[in-house]
Amino acid sequence: MDLKDIKAIIDLMKKNSVSEFELEKQDFKIRLKRGGNGAVASTSYEETAVLNYIQPAGGAALPLPPATPVIAELEIKSPMIGTFYRSPSPEAAPYIEVGAEVNPETVVCIIEAMKLFNEIESEIKGKIVKILVEDASPVEYDQPLFLVEP
């Protein structure tokens, strides 16, 4: 197993929210652990993938250099159940697009609930990297709406 394979495993761990991974083959053993003290903080701005050791079958553990911190994408979530709208009216431009910078008070969308239109603010600072919901779609409470790079 080479460094490229290990990086691929780390990427899969991040994408699938796996905090620990261990693989043992005939001639080696590898254990990967994300986060600082074994805990993965969902609101952390950085996640660190820590390679604990690679151990050959008959030998001592070989230390690896610490992994480079990975910048985590944060989510703007729906605070309520309702219908998601990207713009204030059908003719108007969307509040934000991918690549837009947002601040904690930036309005990013509207959610209609019981005939009331609620402006949703970012609450975090960063750049929008992905819009996760289609315009005029129903959303659930705590459903991710946008991915933001801090």
C-alpha atoms as a PDB file:
ATOM      1  CA  MET A   1       0.000   0.000   0.000  1.00  0.00           C
ATOM      2  CA  ASP A   2       1.467   3.358  -0.983  1.00  0.00           C
ATOM      3  CA  LEU A   3       0.776   6.930   0.130  1.00  0.00           C
ATOM      4  CA  LYS A   4      -1.723   7.477  -2.727  1.00  0.00           C
ATOM      5  CA  ASP A   5      -3.879   4.594  -1.430  1.00  0.00           C
ATOM      6  CA  ILE A   6      -3.746   5.963   2.098  1.00  0.00           C
ATOM      7  CA  LYS A   7      -4.848   9.406   0.898  1.00  0.00           C
ATOM      8  CA  ALA A   8      -7.751   7.796  -0.996  1.00  0.00           C
ATOM      9  CA  ILE A   9      -8.840   6.022   2.202  1.00  0.00           C
ATOM     10  CA  ILE A  10      -8.655   9.323   4.119  1.00  0.00           C
ATOM     11  CA  ASP A  11     -10.851  11.010   1.483  1.00  0.00           C
ATOM     12  CA  LEU A  12     -13.399   8.183   1.727  1.00  0.00           C
ATOM     13  CA  MET A  13     -13.382   8.455   5.518  1.00  0.00           C
ATOM     14  CA  LYS A  14     -14.117  12.177   5.279  1.00  0.00           C
ATOM     15  CA  LYS A  15     -16.886  11.795   2.691  1.00  0.00           C
ATOM     16  CA  ASN A  16     -18.599   9.013   4.644  1.00  0.00           C
ATOM     17  CA  SER A  17     -18.096  10.483   8.147  1.00  0.00           C
ATOM     18  CA  VAL A  18     -15.990   7.536   9.312  1.00  0.00           C
ATOM     19  CA  SER A  19     -13.834   8.396  12.321  1.00  0.00           C
ATOM     20  CA  GLU A  20     -11.649   5.271  12.473  1.00  0.00           C
ATOM     21  CA  PHE A  21     -10.377   2.760   9.926  1.00  0.00           C
ATOM     22  CA  GLU A  22      -8.166  -0.268  10.465  1.00  0.00           C
ATOM     23  CA  LEU A  23      -6.815  -2.685   7.847  1.00  0.00           C
ATOM     24  CA  GLU A  24      -4.663  -5.706   8.526  1.00  0.00           C
ATOM     25  CA  LYS A  25      -3.083  -7.755   5.765  1.00  0.00           C
ATOM     26  CA  GLN A  26      -0.456 -10.475   5.803  1.00  0.00           C
ATOM     27  CA  ASP A  27       2.604  -8.233   5.990  1.00  0.00           C
ATOM     28  CA  PHE A  28       1.302  -4.988   7.478  1.00  0.00           C
ATOM     29  CA  LYS A  29      -1.351  -3.284   9.551  1.00  0.00           C
ATOM     30  CA  ILE A  30      -2.664   0.274   9.198  1.00  0.00           C
ATOM     31  CA  ARG A  31      -4.929   2.244  11.503  1.00  0.00           C
ATOM     32  CA  LEU A  32      -6.347   5.655  10.554  1.00  0.00           C
ATOM     33  CA  LYS A  33      -8.137   7.931  12.978  1.00  0.00           C
ATOM     34  CA  ARG A  34      -9.766  11.303  12.228  1.00  0.00           C
ATOM     35  CA  GLY A  35     -10.005  14.121  14.727  1.00  0.00           C
ATOM     36  CA  GLY A  36      -7.937  15.216  17.663  1.00  0.00           C
ATOM     37  CA  ASN A  37      -8.679  13.085  20.736  1.00  0.00           C
ATOM     38  CA  GLY A  38     -10.759  10.491  18.931  1.00  0.00           C
ATOM     39  CA  ALA A  39     -13.719  12.871  18.744  1.00  0.00           C
ATOM     40  CA  VAL A  40     -14.824  14.343  15.457  1.00  0.00           C
ATOM     41  CA  ALA A  41     -16.343  17.791  15.969  1.00  0.00           C
ATOM     42  CA  SER A  42     -19.064  18.509  13.430  1.00  0.00           C
ATOM     43  CA  THR A  43     -18.642  22.274  13.737  1.00  0.00           C
ATOM     44  CA  SER A  44     -14.844  22.285  13.542  1.00  0.00           C
ATOM     45  CA  TYR A  45     -13.243  24.414  10.840  1.00  0.00           C
ATOM     46  CA  GLU A  46     -10.531  21.838  10.371  1.00  0.00           C
ATOM     47  CA  GLU A  47     -10.437  18.090  10.501  1.00  0.00           C
ATOM     48  CA  THR A  48      -7.132  16.359  10.918  1.00  0.00           C
ATOM     49  CA  ALA A  49      -6.590  12.882   9.585  1.00  0.00           C
ATOM     50  CA  VAL A  50      -4.086  11.232  11.850  1.00  0.00           C
ATOM     51  CA  LEU A  51      -2.154   8.178  10.724  1.00  0.00           C
ATOM     52  CA  ASN A  52      -1.333   6.377  13.932  1.00  0.00           C
ATOM     53  CA  TYR A  53       1.003   3.712  12.640  1.00  0.00           C
ATOM     54  CA  ILE A  54       1.882   1.200   9.957  1.00  0.00           C
ATOM     55  CA  GLN A  55       3.161  -1.986  11.469  1.00  0.00           C
ATOM     56  CA  PRO A  56       5.000  -4.630   9.451  1.00  0.00           C
ATOM     57  CA  ALA A  57       4.016  -8.180  10.413  1.00  0.00           C
ATOM     58  CA  GLY A  58       7.150  -9.027  12.370  1.00  0.00           C
ATOM     59  CA  GLY A  59       8.454  -5.606  13.316  1.00  0.00           C
ATOM     60  CA  ALA A  60       7.825  -2.553  15.394  1.00  0.00           C
ATOM     61  CA  ALA A  61       5.458   0.222  14.429  1.00  0.00           C
ATOM     62  CA  LEU A  62       6.811   2.744  11.926  1.00  0.00           C
ATOM     63  CA  PRO A  63       5.782   6.326  12.736  1.00  0.00           C
ATOM     64  CA  LEU A  64       4.464   8.428   9.877  1.00  0.00           C
ATOM     65  CA  PRO A  65       4.644  12.197   9.560  1.00  0.00           C
ATOM     66  CA  PRO A  66       1.483  13.996  10.665  1.00  0.00           C
ATOM     67  CA  ALA A  67      -1.129  14.429   7.963  1.00  0.00           C
ATOM     68  CA  THR A  68      -1.883  17.845   6.522  1.00  0.00           C
ATOM     69  CA  PRO A  69      -5.043  19.417   8.011  1.00  0.00           C
ATOM     70  CA  VAL A  70      -8.056  19.193   5.726  1.00  0.00           C
ATOM     71  CA  ILE A  71     -10.400  22.187   5.521  1.00  0.00           C
ATOM     72  CA  ALA A  72     -13.897  20.963   6.240  1.00  0.00           C
ATOM     73  CA  GLU A  73     -16.932  22.315   4.490  1.00  0.00           C
ATOM     74  CA  LEU A  74     -19.594  23.634   6.834  1.00  0.00           C
ATOM     75  CA  GLU A  75     -23.311  23.383   6.209  1.00  0.00           C
ATOM     76  CA  ILE A  76     -26.054  25.970   6.355  1.00  0.00           C
ATOM     77  CA  LYS A  77     -29.059  23.975   7.535  1.00  0.00           C
ATOM     78  CA  SER A  78     -32.766  24.602   7.395  1.00  0.00           C
ATOM     79  CA  PRO A  79     -34.100  25.886  10.724  1.00  0.00           C
ATOM     80  CA  MET A  80     -37.639  24.720   9.865  1.00  0.00           C
ATOM     81  CA  ILE A  81     -39.871  22.598   7.661  1.00  0.00           C
ATOM     82  CA  GLY A  82     -41.147  24.404   4.573  1.00  0.00           C
ATOM     83  CA  THR A  83     -40.497  25.226   0.928  1.00  0.00           C
ATOM     84  CA  PHE A  84     -37.038  26.459  -0.107  1.00  0.00           C
ATOM     85  CA  TYR A  85     -36.740  29.468  -2.437  1.00  0.00           C
ATOM     86  CA  ARG A  86     -33.436  30.880  -3.712  1.00  0.00           C
ATOM     87  CA  SER A  87     -34.870  34.312  -4.583  1.00  0.00           C
ATOM     88  CA  PRO A  88     -37.425  36.726  -3.087  1.00  0.00           C
ATOM     89  CA  SER A  89     -39.707  36.379  -6.137  1.00  0.00           C
ATOM     90  CA  PRO A  90     -39.796  34.270  -9.333  1.00  0.00           C
ATOM     91  CA  GLU A  91     -38.499  37.211 -11.430  1.00  0.00           C
ATOM     92  CA  ALA A  92     -35.758  38.283  -9.016  1.00  0.00           C
ATOM     93  CA  ALA A  93     -32.148  37.122  -9.001  1.00  0.00           C
ATOM     94  CA  PRO A  94     -31.163  34.494  -6.410  1.00  0.00           C
ATOM     95  CA  TYR A  95     -29.862  35.749  -3.077  1.00  0.00           C
ATOM     96  CA  ILE A  96     -26.547  33.927  -3.580  1.00  0.00           C
ATOM     97  CA  GLU A  97     -24.726  31.816  -6.156  1.00  0.00           C
ATOM     98  CA  VAL A  98     -21.905  29.294  -5.896  1.00  0.00           C
ATOM     99  CA  GLY A  99     -18.692  31.206  -5.191  1.00  0.00           C
ATOM    100  CA  ALA A 100     -20.430  34.013  -3.297  1.00  0.00           C
ATOM    101  CA  GLU A 101     -18.932  35.190  -0.009  1.00  0.00           C
ATOM    102  CA  VAL A 102     -21.339  35.090   2.941  1.00  0.00           C
ATOM    103  CA  ASN A 103     -21.218  36.567   6.415  1.00  0.00           C
ATOM    104  CA  PRO A 104     -23.246  35.674   9.510  1.00  0.00           C
ATOM    105  CA  GLU A 105     -25.964  38.181   8.567  1.00  0.00           C
ATOM    106  CA  THR A 106     -26.143  37.431   4.811  1.00  0.00           C
ATOM    107  CA  VAL A 107     -29.609  36.285   3.666  1.00  0.00           C
ATOM    108  CA  VAL A 108     -29.074  33.115   1.620  1.00  0.00           C
ATOM    109  CA  CYS A 109     -32.653  31.997   0.877  1.00  0.00           C
ATOM    110  CA  ILE A 110     -36.295  32.071   1.945  1.00  0.00           C
ATOM    111  CA  ILE A 111     -38.246  29.219   3.479  1.00  0.00           C
ATOM    112  CA  GLU A 112     -42.013  29.420   3.254  1.00  0.00           C
ATOM    113  CA  ALA A 113     -43.828  27.839   6.173  1.00  0.00           C
ATOM    114  CA  MET A 114     -47.571  28.164   6.672  1.00  0.00           C
ATOM    115  CA  LYS A 115     -47.814  31.047   4.163  1.00  0.00           C
ATOM    116  CA  LEU A 116     -45.059  32.983   5.967  1.00  0.00           C
ATOM    117  CA  PHE A 117     -41.829  33.745   4.129  1.00  0.00           C
ATOM    118  CA  ASN A 118     -38.822  33.478   6.458  1.00  0.00           C
ATOM    119  CA  GLU A 119     -35.460  34.907   5.400  1.00  0.00           C
ATOM    120  CA  ILE A 120     -32.667  32.500   6.307  1.00  0.00           C
ATOM    121  CA  GLU A 121     -29.289  34.001   7.216  1.00  0.00           C
ATOM    122  CA  SER A 122     -25.934  32.309   6.831  1.00  0.00           C
ATOM    123  CA  GLU A 123     -24.779  32.384  10.494  1.00  0.00           C
ATOM    124  CA  ILE A 124     -21.231  31.503   9.277  1.00  0.00           C
ATOM    125  CA  LYS A 125     -18.565  33.299   7.280  1.00  0.00           C
ATOM    126  CA  GLY A 126     -17.138  31.767   4.128  1.00  0.00           C
ATOM    127  CA  LYS A 127     -17.647  31.002   0.448  1.00  0.00           C
ATOM    128  CA  ILE A 128     -20.597  29.037  -0.943  1.00  0.00           C
ATOM    129  CA  VAL A 129     -19.226  25.920  -2.658  1.00  0.00           C
ATOM    130  CA  LYS A 130     -22.456  24.020  -3.348  1.00  0.00           C
ATOM    131  CA  ILE A 131     -26.216  24.561  -3.283  1.00  0.00           C
ATOM    132  CA  LEU A 132     -27.776  21.298  -2.096  1.00  0.00           C
ATOM    133  CA  VAL A 133     -31.494  21.988  -2.661  1.00  0.00           C
ATOM    134  CA  GLU A 134     -33.436  22.787  -5.839  1.00  0.00           C
ATOM    135  CA  ASP A 135     -35.513  25.967  -5.934  1.00  0.00           C
ATOM    136  CA  ALA A 136     -39.144  25.543  -4.784  1.00  0.00           C
ATOM    137  CA  SER A 137     -38.375  22.179  -3.143  1.00  0.00           C
ATOM    138  CA  PRO A 138     -39.696  21.049   0.227  1.00  0.00           C
ATOM    139  CA  VAL A 139     -37.107  20.928   3.023  1.00  0.00           C
ATOM    140  CA  GLU A 140     -37.020  19.297   6.440  1.00  0.00           C
ATOM    141  CA  TYR A 141     -35.830  20.674   9.754  1.00  0.00           C
ATOM    142  CA  ASP A 142     -31.985  20.544   9.974  1.00  0.00           C
ATOM    143  CA  GLN A 143     -31.611  19.556   6.304  1.00  0.00           C
ATOM    144  CA  PRO A 144     -28.373  20.880   4.758  1.00  0.00           C
ATOM    145  CA  LEU A 145     -29.104  23.646   2.227  1.00  0.00           C
ATOM    146  CA  PHE A 146     -25.633  24.945   1.330  1.00  0.00           C
ATOM    147  CA  LEU A 147     -22.004  23.876   1.722  1.00  0.00           C
ATOM    148  CA  VAL A 148     -19.690  26.674   2.836  1.00  0.00           C
ATOM    149  CA  GLU A 149     -15.900  26.725   2.823  1.00  0.00           C
ATOM    150  CA  PRO A 150     -14.744  28.751   5.834  1.00  0.00           C
END
